[in-house]
Amino acid sequence: MDMKDINGYFIKLSTGRITAKDENGKTCGLVRGVRRWKDAPSRVQFDFSRLLRASGLLSAGKSDNVYIDGKSLYYIASKNSEDYYEGKHGNADYWKEEAEKHYALIAQAEKAGVRVLHCYF
């Protein structure tokens, strides 16, 4: 399975691989050969640090879900939080503001050149 194929799946993140699961919880794919940005060697972090800073993910504290696949940088956005923002009705202004921040961060990351994948955790 390739990184772009896990978009929309339920996934389990680990340091060196990503496991994709179907609705029943059964493993339907495995992405190997990826590396979490935080666990990468310093030389690799340095190569991608300018792109990560330009995307705003580093300053927003979202670097836990950033993965490196060869020469590409991927941010795995949580569809759980997107569904959560859309389903909240109490204090609508607060949740609308949180959703706008979330989507603005994703737009900024895509504009900077980071590939964004929307998955369920």
PDB file of N, CA and C in Angstrom:
ATOM      1  N   MET A   1       0.844  -1.168   0.000  1.00  0.00           N
ATOM      2  CA  MET A   1       0.000   0.000   0.000  1.00  0.00           C
ATOM      3  C   MET A   1       0.894   1.237   0.000  1.00  0.00           C
ATOM      4  N   ASP A   2       0.441   2.279  -0.655  1.00  0.00           N
ATOM      5  CA  ASP A   2       1.201   3.519  -0.748  1.00  0.00           C
ATOM      6  C   ASP A   2       0.597   4.561   0.191  1.00  0.00           C
ATOM      7  N   MET A   3       1.341   5.601   0.503  1.00  0.00           N
ATOM      8  CA  MET A   3       0.855   6.612   1.444  1.00  0.00           C
ATOM      9  C   MET A   3      -0.443   7.259   0.966  1.00  0.00           C
ATOM     10  N   LYS A   4      -0.530   7.579  -0.299  1.00  0.00           N
ATOM     11  CA  LYS A   4      -1.730   8.268  -0.786  1.00  0.00           C
ATOM     12  C   LYS A   4      -2.958   7.355  -0.809  1.00  0.00           C
ATOM     13  N   ASP A   5      -2.766   6.048  -0.677  1.00  0.00           N
ATOM     14  CA  ASP A   5      -3.883   5.101  -0.683  1.00  0.00           C
ATOM     15  C   ASP A   5      -4.598   5.000   0.660  1.00  0.00           C
ATOM     16  N   ILE A   6      -4.003   5.508   1.749  1.00  0.00           N
ATOM     17  CA  ILE A   6      -4.628   5.368   3.061  1.00  0.00           C
ATOM     18  C   ILE A   6      -5.618   6.483   3.357  1.00  0.00           C
ATOM     19  N   ASN A   7      -5.805   7.397   2.438  1.00  0.00           N
ATOM     20  CA  ASN A   7      -6.712   8.522   2.635  1.00  0.00           C
ATOM     21  C   ASN A   7      -8.133   8.022   2.888  1.00  0.00           C
ATOM     22  N   GLY A   8      -8.710   8.367   4.047  1.00  0.00           N
ATOM     23  CA  GLY A   8     -10.074   7.987   4.395  1.00  0.00           C
ATOM     24  C   GLY A   8     -10.201   6.714   5.212  1.00  0.00           C
ATOM     25  N   TYR A   9      -9.112   5.995   5.433  1.00  0.00           N
ATOM     26  CA  TYR A   9      -9.155   4.751   6.203  1.00  0.00           C
ATOM     27  C   TYR A   9      -9.023   5.024   7.700  1.00  0.00           C
ATOM     28  N   PHE A  10      -9.362   4.026   8.492  1.00  0.00           N
ATOM     29  CA  PHE A  10      -9.026   4.005   9.906  1.00  0.00           C
ATOM     30  C   PHE A  10      -7.579   3.540   9.970  1.00  0.00           C
ATOM     31  N   ILE A  11      -6.733   4.261  10.692  1.00  0.00           N
ATOM     32  CA  ILE A  11      -5.313   3.918  10.697  1.00  0.00           C
ATOM     33  C   ILE A  11      -4.767   3.843  12.115  1.00  0.00           C
ATOM     34  N   LYS A  12      -3.646   3.145  12.220  1.00  0.00           N
ATOM     35  CA  LYS A  12      -2.881   3.089  13.463  1.00  0.00           C
ATOM     36  C   LYS A  12      -1.473   3.546  13.121  1.00  0.00           C
ATOM     37  N   LEU A  13      -1.018   4.584  13.808  1.00  0.00           N
ATOM     38  CA  LEU A  13       0.283   5.177  13.524  1.00  0.00           C
ATOM     39  C   LEU A  13       1.344   4.583  14.425  1.00  0.00           C
ATOM     40  N   SER A  14       2.507   4.338  13.867  1.00  0.00           N
ATOM     41  CA  SER A  14       3.663   3.937  14.649  1.00  0.00           C
ATOM     42  C   SER A  14       4.892   4.592  14.030  1.00  0.00           C
ATOM     43  N   THR A  15       6.056   4.334  14.580  1.00  0.00           N
ATOM     44  CA  THR A  15       7.263   5.020  14.142  1.00  0.00           C
ATOM     45  C   THR A  15       7.642   4.689  12.710  1.00  0.00           C
ATOM     46  N   GLY A  16       7.631   3.437  12.342  1.00  0.00           N
ATOM     47  CA  GLY A  16       8.125   3.039  11.033  1.00  0.00           C
ATOM     48  C   GLY A  16       7.088   2.523  10.070  1.00  0.00           C
ATOM     49  N   ARG A  17       5.833   2.487  10.483  1.00  0.00           N
ATOM     50  CA  ARG A  17       4.808   1.990   9.570  1.00  0.00           C
ATOM     51  C   ARG A  17       3.436   2.533   9.973  1.00  0.00           C
ATOM     52  N   ILE A  18       2.524   2.442   9.035  1.00  0.00           N
ATOM     53  CA  ILE A  18       1.141   2.864   9.243  1.00  0.00           C
ATOM     54  C   ILE A  18       0.257   1.697   8.835  1.00  0.00           C
ATOM     55  N   THR A  19      -0.629   1.290   9.726  1.00  0.00           N
ATOM     56  CA  THR A  19      -1.537   0.182   9.457  1.00  0.00           C
ATOM     57  C   THR A  19      -2.913   0.753   9.126  1.00  0.00           C
ATOM     58  N   ALA A  20      -3.452   0.356   7.972  1.00  0.00           N
ATOM     59  CA  ALA A  20      -4.788   0.782   7.561  1.00  0.00           C
ATOM     60  C   ALA A  20      -5.773  -0.328   7.901  1.00  0.00           C
ATOM     61  N   LYS A  21      -6.917   0.061   8.469  1.00  0.00           N
ATOM     62  CA  LYS A  21      -7.929  -0.913   8.875  1.00  0.00           C
ATOM     63  C   LYS A  21      -9.262  -0.564   8.233  1.00  0.00           C
ATOM     64  N   ASP A  22     -10.080  -1.584   8.009  1.00  0.00           N
ATOM     65  CA  ASP A  22     -11.413  -1.345   7.449  1.00  0.00           C
ATOM     66  C   ASP A  22     -12.404  -1.060   8.577  1.00  0.00           C
ATOM     67  N   GLU A  23     -13.684  -0.979   8.244  1.00  0.00           N
ATOM     68  CA  GLU A  23     -14.711  -0.634   9.230  1.00  0.00           C
ATOM     69  C   GLU A  23     -14.852  -1.697  10.324  1.00  0.00           C
ATOM     70  N   ASN A  24     -14.496  -2.930  10.031  1.00  0.00           N
ATOM     71  CA  ASN A  24     -14.614  -4.027  10.994  1.00  0.00           C
ATOM     72  C   ASN A  24     -13.377  -4.158  11.889  1.00  0.00           C
ATOM     73  N   GLY A  25     -12.365  -3.324  11.672  1.00  0.00           N
ATOM     74  CA  GLY A  25     -11.153  -3.390  12.469  1.00  0.00           C
ATOM     75  C   GLY A  25     -10.118  -4.356  11.937  1.00  0.00           C
ATOM     76  N   LYS A  26     -10.362  -4.924  10.765  1.00  0.00           N
ATOM     77  CA  LYS A  26      -9.404  -5.851  10.156  1.00  0.00           C
ATOM     78  C   LYS A  26      -8.371  -5.074   9.345  1.00  0.00           C
ATOM     79  N   THR A  27      -7.140  -5.536   9.404  1.00  0.00           N
ATOM     80  CA  THR A  27      -6.069  -4.893   8.658  1.00  0.00           C
ATOM     81  C   THR A  27      -6.279  -5.096   7.168  1.00  0.00           C
ATOM     82  N   CYS A  28      -6.291  -3.983   6.433  1.00  0.00           N
ATOM     83  CA  CYS A  28      -6.471  -4.088   4.982  1.00  0.00           C
ATOM     84  C   CYS A  28      -5.265  -3.551   4.215  1.00  0.00           C
ATOM     85  N   GLY A  29      -4.298  -3.010   4.919  1.00  0.00           N
ATOM     86  CA  GLY A  29      -3.103  -2.531   4.244  1.00  0.00           C
ATOM     87  C   GLY A  29      -2.058  -2.067   5.233  1.00  0.00           C
ATOM     88  N   LEU A  30      -0.822  -2.037   4.762  1.00  0.00           N
ATOM     89  CA  LEU A  30       0.299  -1.657   5.607  1.00  0.00           C
ATOM     90  C   LEU A  30       1.237  -0.797   4.771  1.00  0.00           C
ATOM     91  N   VAL A  31       1.611   0.352   5.294  1.00  0.00           N
ATOM     92  CA  VAL A  31       2.569   1.220   4.620  1.00  0.00           C
ATOM     93  C   VAL A  31       3.877   1.110   5.387  1.00  0.00           C
ATOM     94  N   ARG A  32       4.880   0.606   4.725  1.00  0.00           N
ATOM     95  CA  ARG A  32       6.199   0.450   5.350  1.00  0.00           C
ATOM     96  C   ARG A  32       7.177   1.420   4.711  1.00  0.00           C
ATOM     97  N   GLY A  33       8.278   1.599   5.360  1.00  0.00           N
ATOM     98  CA  GLY A  33       9.318   2.460   4.808  1.00  0.00           C
ATOM     99  C   GLY A  33       9.047   3.935   5.035  1.00  0.00           C
ATOM    100  N   VAL A  34       8.117   4.248   5.920  1.00  0.00           N
ATOM    101  CA  VAL A  34       7.875   5.651   6.273  1.00  0.00           C
ATOM    102  C   VAL A  34       8.526   5.923   7.613  1.00  0.00           C
ATOM    103  N   ARG A  35       8.708   7.184   7.886  1.00  0.00           N
ATOM    104  CA  ARG A  35       9.386   7.568   9.111  1.00  0.00           C
ATOM    105  C   ARG A  35       8.684   8.791   9.685  1.00  0.00           C
ATOM    106  N   ARG A  36       8.395   8.742  10.968  1.00  0.00           N
ATOM    107  CA  ARG A  36       7.814   9.902  11.640  1.00  0.00           C
ATOM    108  C   ARG A  36       8.865  11.008  11.680  1.00  0.00           C
ATOM    109  N   TRP A  37       8.445  12.236  11.421  1.00  0.00           N
ATOM    110  CA  TRP A  37       9.404  13.338  11.356  1.00  0.00           C
ATOM    111  C   TRP A  37      10.161  13.494  12.668  1.00  0.00           C
ATOM    112  N   LYS A  38       9.484  13.353  13.788  1.00  0.00           N
ATOM    113  CA  LYS A  38      10.145  13.514  15.088  1.00  0.00           C
ATOM    114  C   LYS A  38      11.177  12.423  15.363  1.00  0.00           C
ATOM    115  N   ASP A  39      11.006  11.246  14.762  1.00  0.00           N
ATOM    116  CA  ASP A  39      11.918  10.138  15.006  1.00  0.00           C
ATOM    117  C   ASP A  39      13.016  10.033  13.949  1.00  0.00           C
ATOM    118  N   ALA A  40      13.011  10.918  12.982  1.00  0.00           N
ATOM    119  CA  ALA A  40      14.005  10.887  11.907  1.00  0.00           C
ATOM    120  C   ALA A  40      15.338  11.421  12.427  1.00  0.00           C
ATOM    121  N   PRO A  41      16.439  11.015  11.790  1.00  0.00           N
ATOM    122  CA  PRO A  41      17.744  11.561  12.175  1.00  0.00           C
ATOM    123  C   PRO A  41      17.800  13.074  11.938  1.00  0.00           C
ATOM    124  N   SER A  42      18.714  13.735  12.598  1.00  0.00           N
ATOM    125  CA  SER A  42      18.821  15.195  12.514  1.00  0.00           C
ATOM    126  C   SER A  42      19.035  15.682  11.091  1.00  0.00           C
ATOM    127  N   ARG A  43      19.821  14.966  10.316  1.00  0.00           N
ATOM    128  CA  ARG A  43      20.095  15.403   8.942  1.00  0.00           C
ATOM    129  C   ARG A  43      18.822  15.373   8.097  1.00  0.00           C
ATOM    130  N   VAL A  44      17.948  14.401   8.339  1.00  0.00           N
ATOM    131  CA  VAL A  44      16.688  14.319   7.606  1.00  0.00           C
ATOM    132  C   VAL A  44      15.722  15.398   8.090  1.00  0.00           C
ATOM    133  N   GLN A  45      15.690  15.637   9.398  1.00  0.00           N
ATOM    134  CA  GLN A  45      14.853  16.709   9.932  1.00  0.00           C
ATOM    135  C   GLN A  45      15.277  18.058   9.375  1.00  0.00           C
ATOM    136  N   PHE A  46      16.573  18.257   9.239  1.00  0.00           N
ATOM    137  CA  PHE A  46      17.082  19.512   8.702  1.00  0.00           C
ATOM    138  C   PHE A  46      16.647  19.706   7.253  1.00  0.00           C
ATOM    139  N   ASP A  47      16.642  18.628   6.468  1.00  0.00           N
ATOM    140  CA  ASP A  47      16.235  18.720   5.066  1.00  0.00           C
ATOM    141  C   ASP A  47      14.789  19.193   4.916  1.00  0.00           C
ATOM    142  N   PHE A  48      13.930  18.786   5.833  1.00  0.00           N
ATOM    143  CA  PHE A  48      12.511  19.108   5.726  1.00  0.00           C
ATOM    144  C   PHE A  48      12.065  20.233   6.658  1.00  0.00           C
ATOM    145  N   SER A  49      12.967  20.775   7.460  1.00  0.00           N
ATOM    146  CA  SER A  49      12.560  21.758   8.472  1.00  0.00           C
ATOM    147  C   SER A  49      12.026  23.045   7.858  1.00  0.00           C
ATOM    148  N   ARG A  50      12.599  23.500   6.759  1.00  0.00           N
ATOM    149  CA  ARG A  50      12.125  24.735   6.125  1.00  0.00           C
ATOM    150  C   ARG A  50      10.698  24.555   5.606  1.00  0.00           C
ATOM    151  N   LEU A  51      10.427  23.419   4.986  1.00  0.00           N
ATOM    152  CA  LEU A  51       9.084  23.135   4.482  1.00  0.00           C
ATOM    153  C   LEU A  51       8.083  23.001   5.630  1.00  0.00           C
ATOM    154  N   LEU A  52       8.510  22.377   6.698  1.00  0.00           N
ATOM    155  CA  LEU A  52       7.623  22.184   7.852  1.00  0.00           C
ATOM    156  C   LEU A  52       7.322  23.512   8.544  1.00  0.00           C
ATOM    157  N   ARG A  53       8.318  24.389   8.637  1.00  0.00           N
ATOM    158  CA  ARG A  53       8.077  25.706   9.232  1.00  0.00           C
ATOM    159  C   ARG A  53       7.164  26.544   8.349  1.00  0.00           C
ATOM    160  N   ALA A  54       7.346  26.474   7.032  1.00  0.00           N
ATOM    161  CA  ALA A  54       6.503  27.240   6.110  1.00  0.00           C
ATOM    162  C   ALA A  54       5.057  26.758   6.140  1.00  0.00           C
ATOM    163  N   SER A  55       4.866  25.485   6.450  1.00  0.00           N
ATOM    164  CA  SER A  55       3.509  24.938   6.480  1.00  0.00           C
ATOM    165  C   SER A  55       2.756  25.319   7.743  1.00  0.00           C
ATOM    166  N   GLY A  56       3.459  25.736   8.784  1.00  0.00           N
ATOM    167  CA  GLY A  56       2.823  26.110  10.043  1.00  0.00           C
ATOM    168  C   GLY A  56       2.564  24.946  10.969  1.00  0.00           C
ATOM    169  N   LEU A  57       2.883  23.733  10.553  1.00  0.00           N
ATOM    170  CA  LEU A  57       2.633  22.553  11.374  1.00  0.00           C
ATOM    171  C   LEU A  57       3.560  22.481  12.578  1.00  0.00           C
ATOM    172  N   LEU A  58       4.764  22.963  12.420  1.00  0.00           N
ATOM    173  CA  LEU A  58       5.734  22.910  13.514  1.00  0.00           C
ATOM    174  C   LEU A  58       5.344  23.871  14.637  1.00  0.00           C
ATOM    175  N   SER A  59       4.938  25.080  14.274  1.00  0.00           N
ATOM    176  CA  SER A  59       4.568  26.060  15.297  1.00  0.00           C
ATOM    177  C   SER A  59       3.218  25.737  15.938  1.00  0.00           C
ATOM    178  N   ALA A  60       2.363  24.995  15.234  1.00  0.00           N
ATOM    179  CA  ALA A  60       1.054  24.627  15.783  1.00  0.00           C
ATOM    180  C   ALA A  60       1.132  23.369  16.645  1.00  0.00           C
ATOM    181  N   GLY A  61       2.293  22.749  16.722  1.00  0.00           N
ATOM    182  CA  GLY A  61       2.457  21.552  17.544  1.00  0.00           C
ATOM    183  C   GLY A  61       1.860  20.307  16.911  1.00  0.00           C
ATOM    184  N   LYS A  62       1.770  20.267  15.606  1.00  0.00           N
ATOM    185  CA  LYS A  62       1.164  19.139  14.904  1.00  0.00           C
ATOM    186  C   LYS A  62       2.207  18.230  14.257  1.00  0.00           C
ATOM    187  N   SER A  63       3.456  18.319  14.684  1.00  0.00           N
ATOM    188  CA  SER A  63       4.507  17.546  14.030  1.00  0.00           C
ATOM    189  C   SER A  63       4.479  16.065  14.402  1.00  0.00           C
ATOM    190  N   ASP A  64       3.625  15.663  15.362  1.00  0.00           N
ATOM    191  CA  ASP A  64       3.499  14.243  15.695  1.00  0.00           C
ATOM    192  C   ASP A  64       2.923  13.443  14.535  1.00  0.00           C
ATOM    193  N   ASN A  65       2.092  14.061  13.734  1.00  0.00           N
ATOM    194  CA  ASN A  65       1.420  13.359  12.637  1.00  0.00           C
ATOM    195  C   ASN A  65       2.060  13.648  11.286  1.00  0.00           C
ATOM    196  N   VAL A  66       3.310  14.071  11.279  1.00  0.00           N
ATOM    197  CA  VAL A  66       4.028  14.332  10.039  1.00  0.00           C
ATOM    198  C   VAL A  66       4.941  13.145   9.753  1.00  0.00           C
ATOM    199  N   TYR A  67       4.815  12.605   8.544  1.00  0.00           N
ATOM    200  CA  TYR A  67       5.602  11.441   8.138  1.00  0.00           C
ATOM    201  C   TYR A  67       6.400  11.758   6.887  1.00  0.00           C
ATOM    202  N   ILE A  68       7.538  11.104   6.774  1.00  0.00           N
ATOM    203  CA  ILE A  68       8.416  11.256   5.615  1.00  0.00           C
ATOM    204  C   ILE A  68       8.411   9.953   4.839  1.00  0.00           C
ATOM    205  N   ASP A  69       8.127  10.058   3.557  1.00  0.00           N
ATOM    206  CA  ASP A  69       8.141   8.898   2.669  1.00  0.00           C
ATOM    207  C   ASP A  69       9.084   9.227   1.521  1.00  0.00           C
ATOM    208  N   GLY A  70      10.330   8.872   1.666  1.00  0.00           N
ATOM    209  CA  GLY A  70      11.308   9.196   0.630  1.00  0.00           C
ATOM    210  C   GLY A  70      11.578  10.682   0.580  1.00  0.00           C
ATOM    211  N   LYS A  71      11.118  11.332  -0.470  1.00  0.00           N
ATOM    212  CA  LYS A  71      11.348  12.768  -0.656  1.00  0.00           C
ATOM    213  C   LYS A  71      10.097  13.597  -0.413  1.00  0.00           C
ATOM    214  N   SER A  72       9.040  12.987   0.107  1.00  0.00           N
ATOM    215  CA  SER A  72       7.779  13.698   0.321  1.00  0.00           C
ATOM    216  C   SER A  72       7.449  13.787   1.811  1.00  0.00           C
ATOM    217  N   LEU A  73       6.765  14.847   2.153  1.00  0.00           N
ATOM    218  CA  LEU A  73       6.332  15.077   3.523  1.00  0.00           C
ATOM    219  C   LEU A  73       4.810  14.979   3.551  1.00  0.00           C
ATOM    220  N   TYR A  74       4.284  14.193   4.478  1.00  0.00           N
ATOM    221  CA  TYR A  74       2.844  13.972   4.599  1.00  0.00           C
ATOM    222  C   TYR A  74       2.382  14.378   5.984  1.00  0.00           C
ATOM    223  N   TYR A  75       1.241  15.083   6.030  1.00  0.00           N
ATOM    224  CA  TYR A  75       0.586  15.383   7.297  1.00  0.00           C
ATOM    225  C   TYR A  75      -0.702  14.583   7.339  1.00  0.00           C
ATOM    226  N   ILE A  76      -0.880  13.797   8.381  1.00  0.00           N
ATOM    227  CA  ILE A  76      -2.084  12.987   8.515  1.00  0.00           C
ATOM    228  C   ILE A  76      -3.052  13.739   9.417  1.00  0.00           C
ATOM    229  N   ALA A  77      -4.071  14.326   8.796  1.00  0.00           N
ATOM    230  CA  ALA A  77      -5.076  15.099   9.526  1.00  0.00           C
ATOM    231  C   ALA A  77      -6.155  14.149  10.032  1.00  0.00           C
ATOM    232  N   SER A  78      -6.646  14.423  11.209  1.00  0.00           N
ATOM    233  CA  SER A  78      -7.629  13.555  11.844  1.00  0.00           C
ATOM    234  C   SER A  78      -9.039  13.891  11.364  1.00  0.00           C
ATOM    235  N   LYS A  79      -9.675  12.937  10.718  1.00  0.00           N
ATOM    236  CA  LYS A  79     -11.078  13.122  10.341  1.00  0.00           C
ATOM    237  C   LYS A  79     -11.976  13.064  11.567  1.00  0.00           C
ATOM    238  N   ASN A  80     -11.481  12.473  12.665  1.00  0.00           N
ATOM    239  CA  ASN A  80     -12.246  12.455  13.914  1.00  0.00           C
ATOM    240  C   ASN A  80     -12.515  13.881  14.384  1.00  0.00           C
ATOM    241  N   SER A  81     -11.483  14.726  14.363  1.00  0.00           N
ATOM    242  CA  SER A  81     -11.673  16.098  14.823  1.00  0.00           C
ATOM    243  C   SER A  81     -12.538  16.892  13.858  1.00  0.00           C
ATOM    244  N   GLU A  82     -12.427  16.615  12.560  1.00  0.00           N
ATOM    245  CA  GLU A  82     -13.278  17.310  11.597  1.00  0.00           C
ATOM    246  C   GLU A  82     -14.741  16.957  11.821  1.00  0.00           C
ATOM    247  N   ASP A  83     -15.032  15.691  12.059  1.00  0.00           N
ATOM    248  CA  ASP A  83     -16.405  15.273  12.351  1.00  0.00           C
ATOM    249  C   ASP A  83     -16.872  15.854  13.679  1.00  0.00           C
ATOM    250  N   TYR A  84     -15.965  15.969  14.631  1.00  0.00           N
ATOM    251  CA  TYR A  84     -16.293  16.511  15.948  1.00  0.00           C
ATOM    252  C   TYR A  84     -16.671  17.985  15.848  1.00  0.00           C
ATOM    253  N   TYR A  85     -15.917  18.747  15.058  1.00  0.00           N
ATOM    254  CA  TYR A  85     -16.217  20.165  14.901  1.00  0.00           C
ATOM    255  C   TYR A  85     -17.570  20.372  14.226  1.00  0.00           C
ATOM    256  N   GLU A  86     -17.887  19.545  13.239  1.00  0.00           N
ATOM    257  CA  GLU A  86     -19.137  19.698  12.513  1.00  0.00           C
ATOM    258  C   GLU A  86     -20.341  19.258  13.335  1.00  0.00           C
ATOM    259  N   GLY A  87     -20.147  18.361  14.297  1.00  0.00           N
ATOM    260  CA  GLY A  87     -21.265  17.837  15.069  1.00  0.00           C
ATOM    261  C   GLY A  87     -21.599  18.623  16.317  1.00  0.00           C
ATOM    262  N   LYS A  88     -20.755  19.580  16.719  1.00  0.00           N
ATOM    263  CA  LYS A  88     -20.990  20.342  17.940  1.00  0.00           C
ATOM    264  C   LYS A  88     -21.984  21.465  17.688  1.00  0.00           C
ATOM    265  N   HIS A  89     -22.956  21.611  18.603  1.00  0.00           N
ATOM    266  CA  HIS A  89     -23.952  22.670  18.461  1.00  0.00           C
ATOM    267  C   HIS A  89     -23.951  23.624  19.649  1.00  0.00           C
ATOM    268  N   GLY A  90     -23.484  23.184  20.813  1.00  0.00           N
ATOM    269  CA  GLY A  90     -23.392  24.060  21.978  1.00  0.00           C
ATOM    270  C   GLY A  90     -22.205  24.991  21.810  1.00  0.00           C
ATOM    271  N   ASN A  91     -22.371  26.258  22.117  1.00  0.00           N
ATOM    272  CA  ASN A  91     -21.344  27.275  21.954  1.00  0.00           C
ATOM    273  C   ASN A  91     -20.787  27.236  20.530  1.00  0.00           C
ATOM    274  N   ALA A  92     -21.656  27.455  19.582  1.00  0.00           N
ATOM    275  CA  ALA A  92     -21.352  27.301  18.159  1.00  0.00           C
ATOM    276  C   ALA A  92     -20.211  28.204  17.698  1.00  0.00           C
ATOM    277  N   ASP A  93     -20.089  29.371  18.280  1.00  0.00           N
ATOM    278  CA  ASP A  93     -19.023  30.288  17.862  1.00  0.00           C
ATOM    279  C   ASP A  93     -17.648  29.715  18.159  1.00  0.00           C
ATOM    280  N   TYR A  94     -17.499  29.103  19.335  1.00  0.00           N
ATOM    281  CA  TYR A  94     -16.212  28.519  19.704  1.00  0.00           C
ATOM    282  C   TYR A  94     -15.842  27.383  18.757  1.00  0.00           C
ATOM    283  N   TRP A  95     -16.767  26.482  18.479  1.00  0.00           N
ATOM    284  CA  TRP A  95     -16.454  25.334  17.624  1.00  0.00           C
ATOM    285  C   TRP A  95     -16.260  25.758  16.181  1.00  0.00           C
ATOM    286  N   LYS A  96     -16.960  26.801  15.765  1.00  0.00           N
ATOM    287  CA  LYS A  96     -16.756  27.318  14.413  1.00  0.00           C
ATOM    288  C   LYS A  96     -15.348  27.899  14.289  1.00  0.00           C
ATOM    289  N   GLU A  97     -14.910  28.605  15.325  1.00  0.00           N
ATOM    290  CA  GLU A  97     -13.561  29.166  15.330  1.00  0.00           C
ATOM    291  C   GLU A  97     -12.494  28.068  15.317  1.00  0.00           C
ATOM    292  N   GLU A  98     -12.706  27.011  16.103  1.00  0.00           N
ATOM    293  CA  GLU A  98     -11.758  25.893  16.127  1.00  0.00           C
ATOM    294  C   GLU A  98     -11.685  25.197  14.761  1.00  0.00           C
ATOM    295  N   ALA A  99     -12.831  25.023  14.132  1.00  0.00           N
ATOM    296  CA  ALA A  99     -12.857  24.389  12.815  1.00  0.00           C
ATOM    297  C   ALA A  99     -12.154  25.260  11.784  1.00  0.00           C
ATOM    298  N   GLU A 100     -12.350  26.571  11.866  1.00  0.00           N
ATOM    299  CA  GLU A 100     -11.678  27.472  10.934  1.00  0.00           C
ATOM    300  C   GLU A 100     -10.166  27.419  11.108  1.00  0.00           C
ATOM    301  N   LYS A 101      -9.687  27.347  12.351  1.00  0.00           N
ATOM    302  CA  LYS A 101      -8.243  27.222  12.603  1.00  0.00           C
ATOM    303  C   LYS A 101      -7.698  25.931  12.008  1.00  0.00           C
ATOM    304  N   HIS A 102      -8.458  24.843  12.210  1.00  0.00           N
ATOM    305  CA  HIS A 102      -8.043  23.530  11.707  1.00  0.00           C
ATOM    306  C   HIS A 102      -7.939  23.542  10.183  1.00  0.00           C
ATOM    307  N   TYR A 103      -8.970  24.044   9.519  1.00  0.00           N
ATOM    308  CA  TYR A 103      -8.969  24.054   8.057  1.00  0.00           C
ATOM    309  C   TYR A 103      -7.965  25.056   7.493  1.00  0.00           C
ATOM    310  N   ALA A 104      -7.716  26.155   8.201  1.00  0.00           N
ATOM    311  CA  ALA A 104      -6.707  27.119   7.751  1.00  0.00           C
ATOM    312  C   ALA A 104      -5.312  26.510   7.833  1.00  0.00           C
ATOM    313  N   LEU A 105      -5.058  25.737   8.885  1.00  0.00           N
ATOM    314  CA  LEU A 105      -3.764  25.062   9.016  1.00  0.00           C
ATOM    315  C   LEU A 105      -3.561  24.054   7.895  1.00  0.00           C
ATOM    316  N   ILE A 106      -4.606  23.312   7.574  1.00  0.00           N
ATOM    317  CA  ILE A 106      -4.509  22.340   6.485  1.00  0.00           C
ATOM    318  C   ILE A 106      -4.272  23.040   5.154  1.00  0.00           C
ATOM    319  N   ALA A 107      -4.966  24.134   4.908  1.00  0.00           N
ATOM    320  CA  ALA A 107      -4.785  24.882   3.662  1.00  0.00           C
ATOM    321  C   ALA A 107      -3.373  25.450   3.557  1.00  0.00           C
ATOM    322  N   GLN A 108      -2.850  25.952   4.672  1.00  0.00           N
ATOM    323  CA  GLN A 108      -1.494  26.489   4.682  1.00  0.00           C
ATOM    324  C   GLN A 108      -0.469  25.390   4.419  1.00  0.00           C
ATOM    325  N   ALA A 109      -0.687  24.213   4.988  1.00  0.00           N
ATOM    326  CA  ALA A 109       0.234  23.092   4.772  1.00  0.00           C
ATOM    327  C   ALA A 109       0.207  22.646   3.312  1.00  0.00           C
ATOM    328  N   GLU A 110      -0.985  22.562   2.724  1.00  0.00           N
ATOM    329  CA  GLU A 110      -1.077  22.169   1.318  1.00  0.00           C
ATOM    330  C   GLU A 110      -0.428  23.207   0.415  1.00  0.00           C
ATOM    331  N   LYS A 111      -0.595  24.475   0.746  1.00  0.00           N
ATOM    332  CA  LYS A 111       0.000  25.548  -0.049  1.00  0.00           C
ATOM    333  C   LYS A 111       1.527  25.492   0.015  1.00  0.00           C
ATOM    334  N   ALA A 112       2.069  25.102   1.167  1.00  0.00           N
ATOM    335  CA  ALA A 112       3.519  25.015   1.335  1.00  0.00           C
ATOM    336  C   ALA A 112       4.116  23.799   0.633  1.00  0.00           C
ATOM    337  N   GLY A 113       3.291  22.817   0.274  1.00  0.00           N
ATOM    338  CA  GLY A 113       3.789  21.643  -0.439  1.00  0.00           C
ATOM    339  C   GLY A 113       3.748  20.355   0.348  1.00  0.00           C
ATOM    340  N   VAL A 114       3.141  20.387   1.542  1.00  0.00           N
ATOM    341  CA  VAL A 114       2.986  19.168   2.337  1.00  0.00           C
ATOM    342  C   VAL A 114       1.715  18.470   1.874  1.00  0.00           C
ATOM    343  N   ARG A 115       1.806  17.190   1.635  1.00  0.00           N
ATOM    344  CA  ARG A 115       0.617  16.422   1.218  1.00  0.00           C
ATOM    345  C   ARG A 115      -0.196  16.081   2.448  1.00  0.00           C
ATOM    346  N   VAL A 116      -1.490  16.386   2.407  1.00  0.00           N
ATOM    347  CA  VAL A 116      -2.360  16.178   3.553  1.00  0.00           C
ATOM    348  C   VAL A 116      -3.261  14.980   3.286  1.00  0.00           C
ATOM    349  N   LEU A 117      -3.296  14.039   4.217  1.00  0.00           N
ATOM    350  CA  LEU A 117      -4.151  12.872   4.142  1.00  0.00           C
ATOM    351  C   LEU A 117      -5.165  12.956   5.281  1.00  0.00           C
ATOM    352  N   HIS A 118      -6.431  12.739   4.978  1.00  0.00           N
ATOM    353  CA  HIS A 118      -7.488  12.785   5.993  1.00  0.00           C
ATOM    354  C   HIS A 118      -7.848  11.360   6.368  1.00  0.00           C
ATOM    355  N   CYS A 119      -7.553  10.967   7.603  1.00  0.00           N
ATOM    356  CA  CYS A 119      -7.782   9.602   8.067  1.00  0.00           C
ATOM    357  C   CYS A 119      -8.416   9.619   9.452  1.00  0.00           C
ATOM    358  N   TYR A 120      -9.023   8.482   9.807  1.00  0.00           N
ATOM    359  CA  TYR A 120      -9.551   8.297  11.153  1.00  0.00           C
ATOM    360  C   TYR A 120      -8.489   7.615  12.005  1.00  0.00           C
ATOM    361  N   PHE A 121      -8.302   8.074  13.231  1.00  0.00           N
ATOM    362  CA  PHE A 121      -7.319   7.478  14.125  1.00  0.00           C
ATOM    363  C   PHE A 121      -8.017   6.493  15.018  1.00  0.00           C
TER     364      PHE A 121
END
